[in-house]
């Protein structure tokens, strides 16, 4: 009968058994590192005040519906073009708020200037990519239109109430 006289650290099986928990620990450390790099946004504390704010916003969408405002938006590269369907009484500029659906750090806002009778054009600070909620409003904040869109877009998207 032959007995194995090699010490344990020179054999293969103990190292395989040690390697499994080491890999699990390394993957857990990597997941922890990713979690620290991508921390979630803060949750609202005052729900009553937030509810009142939401009601005020809804009034602005209703105002856009009463004015029968209809528009389409197209985002190409770092340009956003808003085209209204009718010649409503609009100012020389409108305000565009881009809210990223998951990353608050990617939110931005710009003003679009009138370019013709029904068009407004805005130059964006960068070329956005991903899913955004777009809110279009006038300078006096009397009405609002909104849409959720994927950027880059290949065609116009209709803004809604």
N, C-alpha and C. Protein backbone atom coordinates (compact mmCIF):
# COMPACT_ATOMS: atom_id res chain seq x y z
N UNK A 1 0.83 -1.17 0.00
CA UNK A 1 0.00 0.00 0.00
C UNK A 1 0.88 1.25 0.00
N UNK A 2 0.44 2.20 -0.81
CA UNK A 2 1.24 3.42 -0.97
C UNK A 2 0.53 4.56 -0.25
N UNK A 3 1.20 5.24 0.65
CA UNK A 3 0.64 6.39 1.35
C UNK A 3 1.24 7.67 0.78
N UNK A 4 0.38 8.67 0.71
CA UNK A 4 0.80 9.96 0.19
C UNK A 4 1.55 10.69 1.28
N UNK A 5 2.78 11.06 1.01
CA UNK A 5 3.60 11.72 2.02
C UNK A 5 3.78 13.20 1.76
N UNK A 6 3.12 13.75 0.69
CA UNK A 6 3.24 15.18 0.42
C UNK A 6 2.48 15.95 1.48
N UNK A 7 3.00 17.12 1.90
CA UNK A 7 2.24 17.95 2.85
C UNK A 7 0.98 18.49 2.19
N UNK A 8 0.02 18.97 3.00
CA UNK A 8 -1.28 19.39 2.50
C UNK A 8 -1.20 20.54 1.51
N UNK A 9 -0.26 21.46 1.71
CA UNK A 9 -0.19 22.65 0.86
C UNK A 9 0.40 22.34 -0.52
N UNK A 10 0.91 21.13 -0.73
CA UNK A 10 1.41 20.74 -2.04
C UNK A 10 0.39 19.90 -2.81
N UNK A 11 -0.77 19.70 -2.23
CA UNK A 11 -1.80 18.93 -2.90
C UNK A 11 -2.82 19.87 -3.54
N UNK A 12 -3.57 19.39 -4.53
CA UNK A 12 -4.49 20.21 -5.31
C UNK A 12 -5.81 20.45 -4.59
N UNK A 13 -6.41 19.47 -3.98
CA UNK A 13 -7.76 19.59 -3.42
C UNK A 13 -7.89 20.64 -2.31
N UNK A 14 -6.98 20.78 -1.41
CA UNK A 14 -7.15 21.84 -0.41
C UNK A 14 -7.19 23.25 -1.04
N UNK A 15 -6.39 23.47 -2.09
CA UNK A 15 -6.37 24.78 -2.74
C UNK A 15 -7.66 25.06 -3.50
N UNK A 16 -8.24 24.02 -4.09
CA UNK A 16 -9.54 24.20 -4.75
C UNK A 16 -10.60 24.56 -3.73
N UNK A 17 -10.59 23.88 -2.59
CA UNK A 17 -11.56 24.17 -1.54
C UNK A 17 -11.35 25.55 -0.92
N UNK A 18 -10.13 26.02 -0.85
CA UNK A 18 -9.85 27.36 -0.32
C UNK A 18 -10.22 28.43 -1.36
N UNK A 19 -10.05 28.11 -2.64
CA UNK A 19 -10.30 29.08 -3.71
C UNK A 19 -11.78 29.47 -3.81
N UNK A 20 -12.70 28.56 -3.55
CA UNK A 20 -14.13 28.87 -3.66
C UNK A 20 -14.56 29.99 -2.72
N UNK A 21 -14.26 29.97 -1.41
CA UNK A 21 -14.65 31.10 -0.57
C UNK A 21 -13.89 32.39 -0.90
N UNK A 22 -12.66 32.28 -1.37
CA UNK A 22 -11.90 33.47 -1.74
C UNK A 22 -12.56 34.17 -2.93
N UNK A 23 -13.01 33.39 -3.92
CA UNK A 23 -13.70 33.97 -5.08
C UNK A 23 -15.01 34.62 -4.64
N UNK A 24 -15.75 33.95 -3.76
CA UNK A 24 -17.01 34.52 -3.27
C UNK A 24 -16.76 35.82 -2.51
N UNK A 25 -15.72 35.86 -1.71
CA UNK A 25 -15.39 37.08 -0.96
C UNK A 25 -14.99 38.21 -1.90
N UNK A 26 -14.22 37.90 -2.94
CA UNK A 26 -13.79 38.93 -3.90
C UNK A 26 -14.99 39.47 -4.67
N UNK A 27 -15.91 38.60 -5.09
CA UNK A 27 -17.10 39.08 -5.80
C UNK A 27 -17.98 39.92 -4.89
N UNK A 28 -18.09 39.55 -3.62
CA UNK A 28 -18.86 40.37 -2.68
C UNK A 28 -18.23 41.74 -2.49
N UNK A 29 -16.90 41.79 -2.43
CA UNK A 29 -16.21 43.08 -2.32
C UNK A 29 -16.42 43.93 -3.55
N UNK A 30 -16.41 43.30 -4.72
CA UNK A 30 -16.66 44.03 -5.97
C UNK A 30 -18.09 44.58 -6.00
N UNK A 31 -19.06 43.78 -5.57
CA UNK A 31 -20.45 44.25 -5.53
C UNK A 31 -20.60 45.41 -4.55
N UNK A 32 -19.91 45.36 -3.42
CA UNK A 32 -19.93 46.44 -2.44
C UNK A 32 -19.33 47.71 -3.03
N UNK A 33 -18.24 47.58 -3.77
CA UNK A 33 -17.61 48.73 -4.41
C UNK A 33 -18.56 49.38 -5.42
N UNK A 34 -19.22 48.56 -6.24
CA UNK A 34 -20.17 49.09 -7.23
C UNK A 34 -21.33 49.78 -6.52
N UNK A 35 -21.80 49.21 -5.41
CA UNK A 35 -22.89 49.83 -4.66
C UNK A 35 -22.48 51.21 -4.14
N UNK A 36 -21.24 51.33 -3.66
CA UNK A 36 -20.78 52.64 -3.16
C UNK A 36 -20.66 53.67 -4.27
N UNK A 37 -20.31 53.22 -5.48
CA UNK A 37 -20.17 54.15 -6.61
C UNK A 37 -21.51 54.62 -7.15
N UNK A 38 -22.58 53.84 -6.98
CA UNK A 38 -23.88 54.14 -7.55
C UNK A 38 -24.94 54.20 -6.45
N UNK A 39 -24.79 55.12 -5.54
CA UNK A 39 -25.74 55.21 -4.44
C UNK A 39 -27.08 55.76 -4.93
N UNK A 40 -28.19 55.27 -4.36
CA UNK A 40 -29.51 55.73 -4.80
C UNK A 40 -29.78 57.17 -4.36
N UNK A 41 -30.77 57.78 -5.03
CA UNK A 41 -31.18 59.14 -4.69
C UNK A 41 -31.93 59.14 -3.36
N UNK A 42 -31.99 60.30 -2.72
CA UNK A 42 -32.69 60.42 -1.44
C UNK A 42 -34.20 60.36 -1.64
N UNK A 43 -34.88 59.83 -0.66
CA UNK A 43 -36.33 59.72 -0.67
C UNK A 43 -36.91 60.97 0.00
N UNK A 44 -38.07 61.41 -0.46
CA UNK A 44 -38.72 62.61 0.07
C UNK A 44 -39.25 62.34 1.47
N UNK A 45 -39.03 63.27 2.39
CA UNK A 45 -39.52 63.11 3.76
C UNK A 45 -40.93 63.67 3.94
N UNK A 46 -41.19 64.84 3.39
CA UNK A 46 -42.47 65.51 3.62
C UNK A 46 -43.43 65.18 2.48
N UNK A 47 -44.20 64.10 2.67
CA UNK A 47 -45.10 63.63 1.61
C UNK A 47 -46.27 64.58 1.38
N UNK A 48 -46.73 65.26 2.42
CA UNK A 48 -47.84 66.20 2.26
C UNK A 48 -47.45 67.35 1.35
N UNK A 49 -46.28 67.94 1.61
CA UNK A 49 -45.82 69.05 0.78
C UNK A 49 -45.57 68.58 -0.65
N UNK A 50 -45.01 67.39 -0.80
CA UNK A 50 -44.79 66.84 -2.14
C UNK A 50 -46.12 66.62 -2.86
N UNK A 51 -47.15 66.18 -2.14
CA UNK A 51 -48.47 65.99 -2.74
C UNK A 51 -49.08 67.29 -3.22
N UNK A 52 -48.92 68.35 -2.44
CA UNK A 52 -49.42 69.66 -2.87
C UNK A 52 -48.68 70.13 -4.12
N UNK A 53 -47.38 69.89 -4.16
CA UNK A 53 -46.59 70.28 -5.33
C UNK A 53 -47.06 69.51 -6.56
N UNK A 54 -47.36 68.23 -6.40
CA UNK A 54 -47.85 67.42 -7.52
C UNK A 54 -49.18 67.97 -8.02
N UNK A 55 -50.07 68.36 -7.11
CA UNK A 55 -51.36 68.94 -7.52
C UNK A 55 -51.17 70.23 -8.30
N UNK A 56 -50.21 71.05 -7.88
CA UNK A 56 -49.92 72.29 -8.63
C UNK A 56 -49.42 71.98 -10.03
N UNK A 57 -48.58 70.94 -10.15
CA UNK A 57 -48.08 70.55 -11.47
C UNK A 57 -49.22 70.06 -12.35
N UNK A 58 -50.13 69.29 -11.79
CA UNK A 58 -51.26 68.77 -12.57
C UNK A 58 -52.13 69.91 -13.10
N UNK A 59 -52.27 70.97 -12.33
CA UNK A 59 -53.03 72.13 -12.80
C UNK A 59 -52.40 72.73 -14.06
N UNK A 60 -51.09 72.70 -14.14
CA UNK A 60 -50.41 73.26 -15.31
C UNK A 60 -50.62 72.39 -16.55
N UNK A 61 -50.72 71.07 -16.35
CA UNK A 61 -51.02 70.19 -17.48
C UNK A 61 -52.47 70.40 -17.94
N UNK A 62 -53.36 70.61 -16.99
CA UNK A 62 -54.76 70.90 -17.35
C UNK A 62 -54.87 72.21 -18.11
N UNK A 63 -54.06 73.18 -17.72
CA UNK A 63 -54.06 74.47 -18.42
C UNK A 63 -53.61 74.29 -19.86
N UNK A 64 -52.61 73.44 -20.09
CA UNK A 64 -52.17 73.17 -21.47
C UNK A 64 -53.29 72.49 -22.26
N UNK A 65 -54.05 71.62 -21.61
CA UNK A 65 -55.17 70.95 -22.29
C UNK A 65 -56.27 71.97 -22.63
N UNK A 66 -56.54 72.90 -21.69
CA UNK A 66 -57.56 73.92 -21.95
C UNK A 66 -57.15 74.84 -23.11
N UNK A 67 -55.86 75.10 -23.23
CA UNK A 67 -55.36 75.94 -24.32
C UNK A 67 -55.24 75.16 -25.63
N UNK A 68 -55.49 73.85 -25.57
CA UNK A 68 -55.42 72.97 -26.73
C UNK A 68 -54.03 72.99 -27.36
N UNK A 69 -53.00 72.97 -26.52
CA UNK A 69 -51.62 72.96 -27.00
C UNK A 69 -51.22 71.55 -27.40
N UNK A 70 -50.72 71.41 -28.60
CA UNK A 70 -50.21 70.14 -29.08
C UNK A 70 -48.87 70.40 -29.74
N UNK A 71 -47.88 69.56 -29.38
CA UNK A 71 -46.54 69.76 -29.90
C UNK A 71 -45.84 68.42 -30.06
N UNK A 72 -44.77 68.45 -30.85
CA UNK A 72 -43.92 67.28 -31.05
C UNK A 72 -42.49 67.72 -30.77
N UNK A 73 -41.66 66.76 -30.33
CA UNK A 73 -40.27 67.07 -30.05
C UNK A 73 -39.38 66.05 -30.76
N UNK A 74 -38.23 66.52 -31.21
CA UNK A 74 -37.22 65.67 -31.83
C UNK A 74 -35.87 66.07 -31.27
N UNK A 75 -35.15 65.10 -30.73
CA UNK A 75 -33.81 65.36 -30.19
C UNK A 75 -32.81 64.64 -31.09
N UNK A 76 -31.94 65.44 -31.72
CA UNK A 76 -30.91 64.90 -32.60
C UNK A 76 -29.57 65.47 -32.14
N UNK A 77 -28.70 64.59 -31.71
CA UNK A 77 -27.39 65.03 -31.23
C UNK A 77 -27.56 65.94 -30.02
N UNK A 78 -27.02 67.14 -30.10
CA UNK A 78 -27.16 68.08 -28.99
C UNK A 78 -28.17 69.19 -29.31
N UNK A 79 -29.15 68.89 -30.17
CA UNK A 79 -30.22 69.84 -30.51
C UNK A 79 -31.57 69.23 -30.18
N UNK A 80 -32.46 70.06 -29.67
CA UNK A 80 -33.85 69.67 -29.43
C UNK A 80 -34.73 70.64 -30.20
N UNK A 81 -35.67 70.08 -30.98
CA UNK A 81 -36.58 70.89 -31.78
C UNK A 81 -38.00 70.58 -31.32
N UNK A 82 -38.72 71.63 -30.90
CA UNK A 82 -40.11 71.48 -30.49
C UNK A 82 -40.97 72.16 -31.54
N UNK A 83 -41.93 71.41 -32.09
CA UNK A 83 -42.81 71.93 -33.13
C UNK A 83 -44.25 71.89 -32.63
N UNK A 84 -44.87 73.07 -32.57
CA UNK A 84 -46.26 73.17 -32.16
C UNK A 84 -47.15 73.00 -33.39
N UNK A 85 -48.34 72.39 -33.19
CA UNK A 85 -49.23 72.11 -34.30
C UNK A 85 -50.02 73.33 -34.75
N UNK A 86 -50.31 74.23 -33.82
CA UNK A 86 -51.08 75.43 -34.15
C UNK A 86 -50.31 76.66 -33.70
N UNK A 87 -50.71 77.78 -34.24
CA UNK A 87 -50.09 79.03 -33.85
C UNK A 87 -50.78 79.56 -32.60
N UNK A 88 -50.41 79.00 -31.47
CA UNK A 88 -50.95 79.47 -30.19
C UNK A 88 -50.18 80.72 -29.78
N UNK A 89 -50.71 81.43 -28.84
CA UNK A 89 -50.03 82.62 -28.34
C UNK A 89 -48.89 82.15 -27.43
N UNK A 90 -47.71 82.16 -27.99
CA UNK A 90 -46.52 81.68 -27.28
C UNK A 90 -45.48 82.78 -27.25
N UNK A 91 -44.60 82.70 -26.28
CA UNK A 91 -43.55 83.70 -26.15
C UNK A 91 -42.39 83.45 -27.08
N UNK A 92 -41.33 84.19 -26.89
CA UNK A 92 -40.14 84.05 -27.73
C UNK A 92 -39.29 82.85 -27.34
N UNK A 93 -39.52 82.30 -26.13
CA UNK A 93 -38.75 81.14 -25.71
C UNK A 93 -39.63 80.23 -24.84
N UNK A 94 -39.26 78.96 -24.78
CA UNK A 94 -39.90 78.00 -23.89
C UNK A 94 -38.81 77.30 -23.11
N UNK A 95 -39.20 76.65 -22.02
CA UNK A 95 -38.25 76.01 -21.12
C UNK A 95 -38.37 74.50 -21.25
N UNK A 96 -37.22 73.82 -21.36
CA UNK A 96 -37.18 72.36 -21.47
C UNK A 96 -36.44 71.79 -20.27
N UNK A 97 -37.09 70.88 -19.54
CA UNK A 97 -36.47 70.17 -18.42
C UNK A 97 -36.31 68.71 -18.80
N UNK A 98 -35.08 68.22 -18.81
CA UNK A 98 -34.79 66.82 -19.10
C UNK A 98 -34.48 66.12 -17.78
N UNK A 99 -35.29 65.13 -17.43
CA UNK A 99 -35.09 64.35 -16.21
C UNK A 99 -34.75 62.91 -16.60
N UNK A 100 -33.55 62.46 -16.24
CA UNK A 100 -33.19 61.07 -16.51
C UNK A 100 -34.01 60.18 -15.60
N UNK A 101 -34.49 59.05 -16.11
CA UNK A 101 -35.42 58.22 -15.35
C UNK A 101 -34.76 57.53 -14.16
N UNK A 102 -33.43 57.32 -14.18
CA UNK A 102 -32.80 56.62 -13.06
C UNK A 102 -31.64 57.37 -12.44
N UNK A 103 -30.99 58.27 -13.15
CA UNK A 103 -29.80 58.95 -12.63
C UNK A 103 -30.05 60.45 -12.54
N UNK A 104 -30.22 60.94 -11.33
CA UNK A 104 -30.48 62.36 -11.13
C UNK A 104 -29.34 63.24 -11.56
N UNK A 105 -28.13 62.71 -11.58
CA UNK A 105 -26.97 63.51 -11.99
C UNK A 105 -27.02 63.85 -13.48
N UNK A 106 -27.82 63.14 -14.26
CA UNK A 106 -27.92 63.40 -15.70
C UNK A 106 -29.03 64.38 -16.06
N UNK A 107 -29.74 64.92 -15.07
CA UNK A 107 -30.80 65.90 -15.33
C UNK A 107 -30.19 67.23 -15.78
N UNK A 108 -30.91 67.91 -16.67
CA UNK A 108 -30.48 69.25 -17.09
C UNK A 108 -31.68 70.01 -17.63
N UNK A 109 -31.51 71.31 -17.79
CA UNK A 109 -32.58 72.16 -18.31
C UNK A 109 -31.97 73.17 -19.27
N UNK A 110 -32.77 73.54 -20.29
CA UNK A 110 -32.34 74.52 -21.29
C UNK A 110 -33.55 75.35 -21.71
N UNK A 111 -33.28 76.47 -22.34
CA UNK A 111 -34.31 77.31 -22.93
C UNK A 111 -34.22 77.17 -24.45
N UNK A 112 -35.36 77.02 -25.08
CA UNK A 112 -35.43 76.94 -26.55
C UNK A 112 -35.94 78.27 -27.08
N UNK A 113 -35.30 78.76 -28.12
CA UNK A 113 -35.66 80.04 -28.72
C UNK A 113 -36.53 79.79 -29.95
N UNK A 114 -37.43 80.73 -30.18
CA UNK A 114 -38.33 80.64 -31.34
C UNK A 114 -37.49 80.69 -32.62
N UNK A 115 -37.83 79.79 -33.55
CA UNK A 115 -37.18 79.74 -34.85
C UNK A 115 -38.27 79.57 -35.90
N UNK A 116 -38.90 80.63 -36.26
CA UNK A 116 -40.04 80.56 -37.15
C UNK A 116 -41.33 80.67 -36.35
N UNK A 117 -42.44 80.41 -37.02
CA UNK A 117 -43.73 80.62 -36.36
C UNK A 117 -44.08 79.51 -35.38
N UNK A 118 -43.79 78.26 -35.72
CA UNK A 118 -44.21 77.13 -34.89
C UNK A 118 -43.06 76.34 -34.29
N UNK A 119 -41.81 76.71 -34.55
CA UNK A 119 -40.65 75.94 -34.10
C UNK A 119 -39.89 76.64 -33.00
N UNK A 120 -39.37 75.81 -32.09
CA UNK A 120 -38.44 76.27 -31.06
C UNK A 120 -37.24 75.34 -31.10
N UNK A 121 -36.03 75.91 -31.05
CA UNK A 121 -34.80 75.12 -31.13
C UNK A 121 -33.95 75.42 -29.91
N UNK A 122 -33.41 74.34 -29.29
CA UNK A 122 -32.53 74.49 -28.14
C UNK A 122 -31.24 73.73 -28.39
N UNK A 123 -30.12 74.31 -27.96
CA UNK A 123 -28.84 73.62 -28.00
C UNK A 123 -28.60 73.02 -26.62
N UNK A 124 -28.44 71.72 -26.56
CA UNK A 124 -28.27 71.03 -25.29
C UNK A 124 -26.82 71.10 -24.84
N UNK A 125 -26.56 71.06 -23.52
CA UNK A 125 -25.18 71.16 -23.03
C UNK A 125 -24.30 69.97 -23.43
N UNK A 126 -24.90 68.83 -23.71
CA UNK A 126 -24.18 67.64 -24.16
C UNK A 126 -25.16 66.77 -24.96
N UNK A 127 -24.66 65.74 -25.56
CA UNK A 127 -25.51 64.81 -26.31
C UNK A 127 -26.04 63.76 -25.34
N UNK A 128 -27.32 63.84 -24.98
CA UNK A 128 -27.85 62.89 -23.99
C UNK A 128 -28.09 61.52 -24.61
N UNK A 129 -28.01 60.50 -23.78
CA UNK A 129 -28.31 59.13 -24.18
C UNK A 129 -29.10 58.48 -23.06
N UNK A 130 -30.10 57.71 -23.43
CA UNK A 130 -30.88 56.99 -22.44
C UNK A 130 -32.33 57.41 -22.45
N UNK A 131 -33.03 57.06 -21.38
CA UNK A 131 -34.46 57.35 -21.25
C UNK A 131 -34.62 58.60 -20.38
N UNK A 132 -35.32 59.60 -20.92
CA UNK A 132 -35.54 60.86 -20.23
C UNK A 132 -37.03 61.18 -20.19
N UNK A 133 -37.43 61.89 -19.14
CA UNK A 133 -38.74 62.53 -19.10
C UNK A 133 -38.51 63.98 -19.45
N UNK A 134 -39.22 64.47 -20.44
CA UNK A 134 -39.07 65.85 -20.90
C UNK A 134 -40.32 66.62 -20.51
N UNK A 135 -40.11 67.77 -19.87
CA UNK A 135 -41.21 68.66 -19.50
C UNK A 135 -40.97 69.99 -20.21
N UNK A 136 -41.95 70.41 -21.02
CA UNK A 136 -41.88 71.67 -21.76
C UNK A 136 -42.86 72.64 -21.13
N UNK A 137 -42.40 73.86 -20.86
CA UNK A 137 -43.28 74.87 -20.25
C UNK A 137 -42.93 76.24 -20.82
N UNK A 138 -43.83 77.17 -20.59
CA UNK A 138 -43.56 78.54 -21.03
C UNK A 138 -42.74 79.25 -19.96
N UNK A 139 -42.29 80.46 -20.29
CA UNK A 139 -41.44 81.20 -19.35
C UNK A 139 -42.17 81.56 -18.06
N UNK A 140 -43.46 81.81 -18.14
CA UNK A 140 -44.22 82.21 -16.95
C UNK A 140 -44.75 81.01 -16.16
N UNK A 141 -44.43 79.80 -16.61
CA UNK A 141 -44.82 78.56 -15.93
C UNK A 141 -46.34 78.43 -15.78
N UNK A 142 -47.11 78.88 -16.78
CA UNK A 142 -48.56 78.78 -16.74
C UNK A 142 -49.06 77.43 -17.23
N UNK A 143 -48.34 76.78 -18.15
CA UNK A 143 -48.75 75.49 -18.70
C UNK A 143 -47.53 74.60 -18.86
N UNK A 144 -47.80 73.30 -18.98
CA UNK A 144 -46.73 72.32 -19.17
C UNK A 144 -47.21 71.19 -20.08
N UNK A 145 -46.26 70.66 -20.85
CA UNK A 145 -46.46 69.45 -21.63
C UNK A 145 -45.33 68.49 -21.26
N UNK A 146 -45.59 67.18 -21.41
CA UNK A 146 -44.57 66.21 -21.00
C UNK A 146 -44.58 64.99 -21.90
N UNK A 147 -43.45 64.28 -21.87
CA UNK A 147 -43.32 63.02 -22.61
C UNK A 147 -42.11 62.27 -22.04
N UNK A 148 -42.15 60.96 -22.14
CA UNK A 148 -40.99 60.12 -21.83
C UNK A 148 -40.43 59.63 -23.15
N UNK A 149 -39.13 59.86 -23.36
CA UNK A 149 -38.56 59.50 -24.65
C UNK A 149 -37.20 58.86 -24.48
N UNK A 150 -36.85 58.03 -25.46
CA UNK A 150 -35.54 57.42 -25.52
C UNK A 150 -34.67 58.23 -26.47
N UNK A 151 -33.49 58.60 -26.00
CA UNK A 151 -32.59 59.42 -26.80
C UNK A 151 -31.35 58.58 -27.10
N UNK A 152 -30.88 58.47 -28.31
CA UNK A 152 -31.28 59.22 -29.49
C UNK A 152 -32.58 58.70 -30.09
N UNK A 153 -33.38 59.61 -30.62
CA UNK A 153 -34.67 59.27 -31.22
C UNK A 153 -34.55 59.38 -32.73
N UNK A 154 -35.29 58.54 -33.41
CA UNK A 154 -35.26 58.56 -34.87
C UNK A 154 -36.41 59.35 -35.48
N UNK A 155 -37.44 59.61 -34.68
CA UNK A 155 -38.58 60.37 -35.20
C UNK A 155 -39.16 61.24 -34.09
N UNK A 156 -40.04 62.14 -34.51
CA UNK A 156 -40.68 63.04 -33.54
C UNK A 156 -41.55 62.26 -32.56
N UNK A 157 -41.64 62.79 -31.33
CA UNK A 157 -42.48 62.21 -30.30
C UNK A 157 -43.48 63.27 -29.87
N UNK A 158 -44.75 62.86 -29.73
CA UNK A 158 -45.79 63.82 -29.36
C UNK A 158 -45.76 64.10 -27.88
N UNK A 159 -45.80 65.38 -27.52
CA UNK A 159 -45.89 65.78 -26.13
C UNK A 159 -47.34 65.67 -25.66
N UNK A 160 -47.53 65.26 -24.42
CA UNK A 160 -48.88 65.09 -23.88
C UNK A 160 -49.12 65.92 -22.65
N UNK A 161 -50.30 65.72 -22.06
CA UNK A 161 -50.71 66.50 -20.91
C UNK A 161 -50.33 65.78 -19.65
